[in-house]
Amino acid sequence: MSEKHKCASPSAIQVKNRQKAISSEEKLDTIHRLEKSERIADIQRNVKLAHSSIPTICDNVDRITESAKCLCNINCQ
């Protein structure tokens, strides 16, 4: 068998990082920081989010705030 077709050893296989679940509190905190004009890089370091997660949170502000209102109504009852 040629070198090209040999399987990689198990130690050579890289393990993918698991996707982190972001709580609604973290998302709301990120939104408040963005409203205060805090830099994305600073938010990323402080909240320990992937850089691409912050624009996604920005795009979904309406959905996030609506779900937070629903959660607050459930918790307050």
PDB file of N, CA and C in Angstrom:
ATOM      1  N   MET A   1       0.841  -1.182   0.000  1.00  0.00           N
ATOM      2  CA  MET A   1       0.000   0.000   0.000  1.00  0.00           C
ATOM      3  C   MET A   1       0.884   1.244   0.000  1.00  0.00           C
ATOM      4  N   SER A   2       0.514   2.234  -0.753  1.00  0.00           N
ATOM      5  CA  SER A   2       1.328   3.441  -0.818  1.00  0.00           C
ATOM      6  C   SER A   2       1.091   4.304   0.418  1.00  0.00           C
ATOM      7  N   GLU A   3       1.981   5.238   0.634  1.00  0.00           N
ATOM      8  CA  GLU A   3       1.882   6.144   1.789  1.00  0.00           C
ATOM      9  C   GLU A   3       0.601   6.972   1.732  1.00  0.00           C
ATOM     10  N   LYS A   4       0.152   7.248   0.521  1.00  0.00           N
ATOM     11  CA  LYS A   4      -1.028   8.081   0.345  1.00  0.00           C
ATOM     12  C   LYS A   4      -2.296   7.445   0.912  1.00  0.00           C
ATOM     13  N   HIS A   5      -2.378   6.124   0.860  1.00  0.00           N
ATOM     14  CA  HIS A   5      -3.604   5.437   1.241  1.00  0.00           C
ATOM     15  C   HIS A   5      -3.590   4.859   2.652  1.00  0.00           C
ATOM     16  N   LYS A   6      -2.526   5.084   3.376  1.00  0.00           N
ATOM     17  CA  LYS A   6      -2.488   4.577   4.743  1.00  0.00           C
ATOM     18  C   LYS A   6      -3.369   5.434   5.639  1.00  0.00           C
ATOM     19  N   CYS A   7      -4.001   4.802   6.584  1.00  0.00           N
ATOM     20  CA  CYS A   7      -4.836   5.526   7.546  1.00  0.00           C
ATOM     21  C   CYS A   7      -3.952   6.269   8.532  1.00  0.00           C
ATOM     22  N   ALA A   8      -4.430   7.398   8.981  1.00  0.00           N
ATOM     23  CA  ALA A   8      -3.695   8.164   9.982  1.00  0.00           C
ATOM     24  C   ALA A   8      -3.809   7.455  11.323  1.00  0.00           C
ATOM     25  N   SER A   9      -2.766   7.564  12.102  1.00  0.00           N
ATOM     26  CA  SER A   9      -2.810   6.939  13.422  1.00  0.00           C
ATOM     27  C   SER A   9      -3.804   7.693  14.303  1.00  0.00           C
ATOM     28  N   PRO A  10      -4.382   7.030  15.302  1.00  0.00           N
ATOM     29  CA  PRO A  10      -5.376   7.706  16.159  1.00  0.00           C
ATOM     30  C   PRO A  10      -4.827   8.950  16.838  1.00  0.00           C
ATOM     31  N   SER A  11      -3.541   8.970  17.128  1.00  0.00           N
ATOM     32  CA  SER A  11      -2.977  10.143  17.789  1.00  0.00           C
ATOM     33  C   SER A  11      -2.862  11.323  16.836  1.00  0.00           C
ATOM     34  N   ALA A  12      -2.866  11.058  15.533  1.00  0.00           N
ATOM     35  CA  ALA A  12      -2.741  12.121  14.546  1.00  0.00           C
ATOM     36  C   ALA A  12      -4.082  12.769  14.224  1.00  0.00           C
ATOM     37  N   ILE A  13      -5.168  12.115  14.579  1.00  0.00           N
ATOM     38  CA  ILE A  13      -6.491  12.653  14.287  1.00  0.00           C
ATOM     39  C   ILE A  13      -6.815  13.749  15.296  1.00  0.00           C
ATOM     40  N   GLN A  14      -7.198  14.896  14.776  1.00  0.00           N
ATOM     41  CA  GLN A  14      -7.526  16.013  15.660  1.00  0.00           C
ATOM     42  C   GLN A  14      -8.978  15.896  16.106  1.00  0.00           C
ATOM     43  N   VAL A  15      -9.219  16.264  17.345  1.00  0.00           N
ATOM     44  CA  VAL A  15     -10.564  16.216  17.905  1.00  0.00           C
ATOM     45  C   VAL A  15     -11.182  17.598  17.739  1.00  0.00           C
ATOM     46  N   LYS A  16     -12.416  17.641  17.223  1.00  0.00           N
ATOM     47  CA  LYS A  16     -13.115  18.906  17.067  1.00  0.00           C
ATOM     48  C   LYS A  16     -13.576  19.406  18.429  1.00  0.00           C
ATOM     49  N   ASN A  17     -13.568  20.722  18.580  1.00  0.00           N
ATOM     50  CA  ASN A  17     -14.094  21.324  19.807  1.00  0.00           C
ATOM     51  C   ASN A  17     -15.606  21.249  19.792  1.00  0.00           C
ATOM     52  N   ARG A  18     -16.176  20.989  20.928  1.00  0.00           N
ATOM     53  CA  ARG A  18     -17.630  20.961  21.060  1.00  0.00           C
ATOM     54  C   ARG A  18     -18.161  22.387  20.982  1.00  0.00           C
ATOM     55  N   GLN A  19     -19.366  22.526  20.459  1.00  0.00           N
ATOM     56  CA  GLN A  19     -19.995  23.820  20.373  1.00  0.00           C
ATOM     57  C   GLN A  19     -20.490  24.212  21.758  1.00  0.00           C
ATOM     58  N   LYS A  20     -20.191  25.436  22.165  1.00  0.00           N
ATOM     59  CA  LYS A  20     -20.579  25.912  23.486  1.00  0.00           C
ATOM     60  C   LYS A  20     -22.016  26.425  23.447  1.00  0.00           C
ATOM     61  N   ALA A  21     -22.810  26.010  24.399  1.00  0.00           N
ATOM     62  CA  ALA A  21     -24.182  26.513  24.519  1.00  0.00           C
ATOM     63  C   ALA A  21     -24.133  27.848  25.252  1.00  0.00           C
ATOM     64  N   ILE A  22     -24.746  28.853  24.674  1.00  0.00           N
ATOM     65  CA  ILE A  22     -24.714  30.196  25.247  1.00  0.00           C
ATOM     66  C   ILE A  22     -26.064  30.457  25.915  1.00  0.00           C
ATOM     67  N   SER A  23     -26.041  30.787  27.193  1.00  0.00           N
ATOM     68  CA  SER A  23     -27.289  31.028  27.919  1.00  0.00           C
ATOM     69  C   SER A  23     -27.903  32.357  27.494  1.00  0.00           C
ATOM     70  N   SER A  24     -29.179  32.510  27.786  1.00  0.00           N
ATOM     71  CA  SER A  24     -29.861  33.758  27.427  1.00  0.00           C
ATOM     72  C   SER A  24     -29.280  34.940  28.210  1.00  0.00           C
ATOM     73  N   GLU A  25     -28.802  34.681  29.435  1.00  0.00           N
ATOM     74  CA  GLU A  25     -28.180  35.760  30.216  1.00  0.00           C
ATOM     75  C   GLU A  25     -26.901  36.254  29.544  1.00  0.00           C
ATOM     76  N   GLU A  26     -26.096  35.317  29.030  1.00  0.00           N
ATOM     77  CA  GLU A  26     -24.874  35.701  28.330  1.00  0.00           C
ATOM     78  C   GLU A  26     -25.195  36.479  27.055  1.00  0.00           C
ATOM     79  N   LYS A  27     -26.236  36.054  26.355  1.00  0.00           N
ATOM     80  CA  LYS A  27     -26.629  36.753  25.134  1.00  0.00           C
ATOM     81  C   LYS A  27     -27.108  38.162  25.447  1.00  0.00           C
ATOM     82  N   LEU A  28     -27.931  38.300  26.496  1.00  0.00           N
ATOM     83  CA  LEU A  28     -28.418  39.622  26.874  1.00  0.00           C
ATOM     84  C   LEU A  28     -27.283  40.520  27.341  1.00  0.00           C
ATOM     85  N   ASP A  29     -26.330  39.948  28.077  1.00  0.00           N
ATOM     86  CA  ASP A  29     -25.166  40.708  28.506  1.00  0.00           C
ATOM     87  C   ASP A  29     -24.376  41.196  27.293  1.00  0.00           C
ATOM     88  N   THR A  30     -24.229  40.340  26.301  1.00  0.00           N
ATOM     89  CA  THR A  30     -23.516  40.710  25.078  1.00  0.00           C
ATOM     90  C   THR A  30     -24.248  41.830  24.354  1.00  0.00           C
ATOM     91  N   ILE A  31     -25.574  41.757  24.291  1.00  0.00           N
ATOM     92  CA  ILE A  31     -26.362  42.804  23.638  1.00  0.00           C
ATOM     93  C   ILE A  31     -26.196  44.135  24.357  1.00  0.00           C
ATOM     94  N   HIS A  32     -26.232  44.116  25.693  1.00  0.00           N
ATOM     95  CA  HIS A  32     -26.061  45.351  26.463  1.00  0.00           C
ATOM     96  C   HIS A  32     -24.671  45.941  26.241  1.00  0.00           C
ATOM     97  N   ARG A  33     -23.670  45.101  26.173  1.00  0.00           N
ATOM     98  CA  ARG A  33     -22.312  45.589  25.921  1.00  0.00           C
ATOM     99  C   ARG A  33     -22.204  46.218  24.537  1.00  0.00           C
ATOM    100  N   LEU A  34     -22.857  45.604  23.548  1.00  0.00           N
ATOM    101  CA  LEU A  34     -22.830  46.159  22.197  1.00  0.00           C
ATOM    102  C   LEU A  34     -23.556  47.496  22.140  1.00  0.00           C
ATOM    103  N   GLU A  35     -24.653  47.621  22.894  1.00  0.00           N
ATOM    104  CA  GLU A  35     -25.382  48.886  22.937  1.00  0.00           C
ATOM    105  C   GLU A  35     -24.554  49.998  23.565  1.00  0.00           C
ATOM    106  N   LYS A  36     -23.625  49.629  24.449  1.00  0.00           N
ATOM    107  CA  LYS A  36     -22.720  50.601  25.069  1.00  0.00           C
ATOM    108  C   LYS A  36     -21.521  50.909  24.183  1.00  0.00           C
ATOM    109  N   SER A  37     -21.520  50.359  22.962  1.00  0.00           N
ATOM    110  CA  SER A  37     -20.452  50.560  21.965  1.00  0.00           C
ATOM    111  C   SER A  37     -19.129  49.932  22.391  1.00  0.00           C
ATOM    112  N   GLU A  38     -19.202  48.848  23.136  1.00  0.00           N
ATOM    113  CA  GLU A  38     -17.984  48.111  23.495  1.00  0.00           C
ATOM    114  C   GLU A  38     -17.507  47.335  22.270  1.00  0.00           C
ATOM    115  N   ARG A  39     -16.216  47.246  22.109  1.00  0.00           N
ATOM    116  CA  ARG A  39     -15.644  46.564  20.944  1.00  0.00           C
ATOM    117  C   ARG A  39     -15.930  45.065  20.984  1.00  0.00           C
ATOM    118  N   ILE A  40     -16.147  44.485  19.801  1.00  0.00           N
ATOM    119  CA  ILE A  40     -16.429  43.057  19.693  1.00  0.00           C
ATOM    120  C   ILE A  40     -15.280  42.237  20.261  1.00  0.00           C
ATOM    121  N   ALA A  41     -14.056  42.640  20.004  1.00  0.00           N
ATOM    122  CA  ALA A  41     -12.890  41.895  20.504  1.00  0.00           C
ATOM    123  C   ALA A  41     -12.866  41.879  22.032  1.00  0.00           C
ATOM    124  N   ASP A  42     -13.233  42.996  22.665  1.00  0.00           N
ATOM    125  CA  ASP A  42     -13.263  43.056  24.128  1.00  0.00           C
ATOM    126  C   ASP A  42     -14.376  42.167  24.698  1.00  0.00           C
ATOM    127  N   ILE A  43     -15.524  42.195  24.045  1.00  0.00           N
ATOM    128  CA  ILE A  43     -16.636  41.346  24.483  1.00  0.00           C
ATOM    129  C   ILE A  43     -16.250  39.883  24.350  1.00  0.00           C
ATOM    130  N   GLN A  44     -15.628  39.560  23.226  1.00  0.00           N
ATOM    131  CA  GLN A  44     -15.218  38.181  22.965  1.00  0.00           C
ATOM    132  C   GLN A  44     -14.299  37.671  24.062  1.00  0.00           C
ATOM    133  N   ARG A  45     -13.339  38.470  24.459  1.00  0.00           N
ATOM    134  CA  ARG A  45     -12.393  38.043  25.503  1.00  0.00           C
ATOM    135  C   ARG A  45     -13.074  37.906  26.857  1.00  0.00           C
ATOM    136  N   ASN A  46     -13.923  38.860  27.207  1.00  0.00           N
ATOM    137  CA  ASN A  46     -14.557  38.857  28.527  1.00  0.00           C
ATOM    138  C   ASN A  46     -15.596  37.752  28.688  1.00  0.00           C
ATOM    139  N   VAL A  47     -16.385  37.512  27.654  1.00  0.00           N
ATOM    140  CA  VAL A  47     -17.460  36.536  27.743  1.00  0.00           C
ATOM    141  C   VAL A  47     -16.987  35.160  27.272  1.00  0.00           C
ATOM    142  N   LYS A  48     -15.805  35.111  26.647  1.00  0.00           N
ATOM    143  CA  LYS A  48     -15.201  33.875  26.127  1.00  0.00           C
ATOM    144  C   LYS A  48     -16.093  33.223  25.075  1.00  0.00           C
ATOM    145  N   LEU A  49     -16.480  34.033  24.091  1.00  0.00           N
ATOM    146  CA  LEU A  49     -17.261  33.555  22.960  1.00  0.00           C
ATOM    147  C   LEU A  49     -16.395  33.544  21.717  1.00  0.00           C
ATOM    148  N   ALA A  50     -16.794  32.750  20.745  1.00  0.00           N
ATOM    149  CA  ALA A  50     -16.131  32.784  19.453  1.00  0.00           C
ATOM    150  C   ALA A  50     -16.437  34.121  18.790  1.00  0.00           C
ATOM    151  N   HIS A  51     -15.489  34.604  18.013  1.00  0.00           N
ATOM    152  CA  HIS A  51     -15.647  35.913  17.375  1.00  0.00           C
ATOM    153  C   HIS A  51     -16.891  35.953  16.484  1.00  0.00           C
ATOM    154  N   SER A  52     -17.212  34.851  15.833  1.00  0.00           N
ATOM    155  CA  SER A  52     -18.366  34.815  14.922  1.00  0.00           C
ATOM    156  C   SER A  52     -19.699  34.751  15.656  1.00  0.00           C
ATOM    157  N   SER A  53     -19.692  34.426  16.933  1.00  0.00           N
ATOM    158  CA  SER A  53     -20.944  34.331  17.689  1.00  0.00           C
ATOM    159  C   SER A  53     -21.561  35.696  17.949  1.00  0.00           C
ATOM    160  N   ILE A  54     -20.738  36.700  18.103  1.00  0.00           N
ATOM    161  CA  ILE A  54     -21.239  38.028  18.470  1.00  0.00           C
ATOM    162  C   ILE A  54     -22.066  38.655  17.345  1.00  0.00           C
ATOM    163  N   PRO A  55     -21.612  38.641  16.084  1.00  0.00           N
ATOM    164  CA  PRO A  55     -22.492  39.157  15.020  1.00  0.00           C
ATOM    165  C   PRO A  55     -23.795  38.354  14.880  1.00  0.00           C
ATOM    166  N   THR A  56     -23.741  37.054  15.156  1.00  0.00           N
ATOM    167  CA  THR A  56     -24.953  36.234  15.107  1.00  0.00           C
ATOM    168  C   THR A  56     -25.928  36.683  16.183  1.00  0.00           C
ATOM    169  N   ILE A  57     -25.426  36.992  17.361  1.00  0.00           N
ATOM    170  CA  ILE A  57     -26.277  37.510  18.439  1.00  0.00           C
ATOM    171  C   ILE A  57     -26.870  38.849  18.013  1.00  0.00           C
ATOM    172  N   CYS A  58     -26.073  39.695  17.365  1.00  0.00           N
ATOM    173  CA  CYS A  58     -26.570  40.993  16.877  1.00  0.00           C
ATOM    174  C   CYS A  58     -27.706  40.809  15.883  1.00  0.00           C
ATOM    175  N   ASP A  59     -27.558  39.845  14.989  1.00  0.00           N
ATOM    176  CA  ASP A  59     -28.580  39.598  13.973  1.00  0.00           C
ATOM    177  C   ASP A  59     -29.879  39.089  14.592  1.00  0.00           C
ATOM    178  N   ASN A  60     -29.801  38.442  15.744  1.00  0.00           N
ATOM    179  CA  ASN A  60     -30.964  37.827  16.374  1.00  0.00           C
ATOM    180  C   ASN A  60     -31.439  38.571  17.624  1.00  0.00           C
ATOM    181  N   VAL A  61     -31.148  39.851  17.722  1.00  0.00           N
ATOM    182  CA  VAL A  61     -31.496  40.629  18.918  1.00  0.00           C
ATOM    183  C   VAL A  61     -32.986  40.540  19.220  1.00  0.00           C
ATOM    184  N   ASP A  62     -33.822  40.685  18.190  1.00  0.00           N
ATOM    185  CA  ASP A  62     -35.275  40.674  18.421  1.00  0.00           C
ATOM    186  C   ASP A  62     -35.734  39.342  19.007  1.00  0.00           C
ATOM    187  N   ARG A  63     -35.254  38.255  18.440  1.00  0.00           N
ATOM    188  CA  ARG A  63     -35.643  36.929  18.935  1.00  0.00           C
ATOM    189  C   ARG A  63     -35.137  36.686  20.356  1.00  0.00           C
ATOM    190  N   ILE A  64     -33.919  37.125  20.633  1.00  0.00           N
ATOM    191  CA  ILE A  64     -33.320  36.904  21.955  1.00  0.00           C
ATOM    192  C   ILE A  64     -34.077  37.692  23.022  1.00  0.00           C
ATOM    193  N   THR A  65     -34.374  38.957  22.745  1.00  0.00           N
ATOM    194  CA  THR A  65     -35.081  39.772  23.738  1.00  0.00           C
ATOM    195  C   THR A  65     -36.503  39.264  23.944  1.00  0.00           C
ATOM    196  N   GLU A  66     -37.145  38.798  22.867  1.00  0.00           N
ATOM    197  CA  GLU A  66     -38.501  38.253  22.993  1.00  0.00           C
ATOM    198  C   GLU A  66     -38.504  36.984  23.853  1.00  0.00           C
ATOM    199  N   SER A  67     -37.530  36.113  23.624  1.00  0.00           N
ATOM    200  CA  SER A  67     -37.472  34.881  24.421  1.00  0.00           C
ATOM    201  C   SER A  67     -37.123  35.191  25.872  1.00  0.00           C
ATOM    202  N   ALA A  68     -36.323  36.232  26.097  1.00  0.00           N
ATOM    203  CA  ALA A  68     -35.989  36.615  27.468  1.00  0.00           C
ATOM    204  C   ALA A  68     -37.231  37.133  28.195  1.00  0.00           C
ATOM    205  N   LYS A  69     -38.089  37.856  27.474  1.00  0.00           N
ATOM    206  CA  LYS A  69     -39.336  38.335  28.078  1.00  0.00           C
ATOM    207  C   LYS A  69     -40.227  37.161  28.460  1.00  0.00           C
ATOM    208  N   CYS A  70     -40.300  36.173  27.565  1.00  0.00           N
ATOM    209  CA  CYS A  70     -41.110  34.986  27.852  1.00  0.00           C
ATOM    210  C   CYS A  70     -40.567  34.233  29.060  1.00  0.00           C
ATOM    211  N   LEU A  71     -39.256  34.097  29.136  1.00  0.00           N
ATOM    212  CA  LEU A  71     -38.634  33.409  30.266  1.00  0.00           C
ATOM    213  C   LEU A  71     -38.891  34.162  31.560  1.00  0.00           C
ATOM    214  N   CYS A  72     -38.853  35.477  31.493  1.00  0.00           N
ATOM    215  CA  CYS A  72     -39.093  36.292  32.690  1.00  0.00           C
ATOM    216  C   CYS A  72     -40.535  36.117  33.146  1.00  0.00           C
ATOM    217  N   ASN A  73     -41.468  36.069  32.221  1.00  0.00           N
ATOM    218  CA  ASN A  73     -42.886  35.885  32.579  1.00  0.00           C
ATOM    219  C   ASN A  73     -43.107  34.524  33.240  1.00  0.00           C
ATOM    220  N   ILE A  74     -42.446  33.499  32.735  1.00  0.00           N
ATOM    221  CA  ILE A  74     -42.588  32.160  33.309  1.00  0.00           C
ATOM    222  C   ILE A  74     -41.980  32.113  34.707  1.00  0.00           C
ATOM    223  N   ASN A  75     -40.810  32.708  34.880  1.00  0.00           N
ATOM    224  CA  ASN A  75     -40.123  32.683  36.171  1.00  0.00           C
ATOM    225  C   ASN A  75     -40.821  33.555  37.205  1.00  0.00           C
ATOM    226  N   CYS A  76     -41.497  34.599  36.773  1.00  0.00           N
ATOM    227  CA  CYS A  76     -42.146  35.512  37.719  1.00  0.00           C
ATOM    228  C   CYS A  76     -43.473  34.975  38.249  1.00  0.00           C
ATOM    229  N   GLN A  77     -44.055  34.002  37.559  1.00  0.00           N
ATOM    230  CA  GLN A  77     -45.363  33.490  37.985  1.00  0.00           C
ATOM    231  C   GLN A  77     -45.265  32.586  39.149  1.00  0.00           C
TER     232      GLN A  77
END
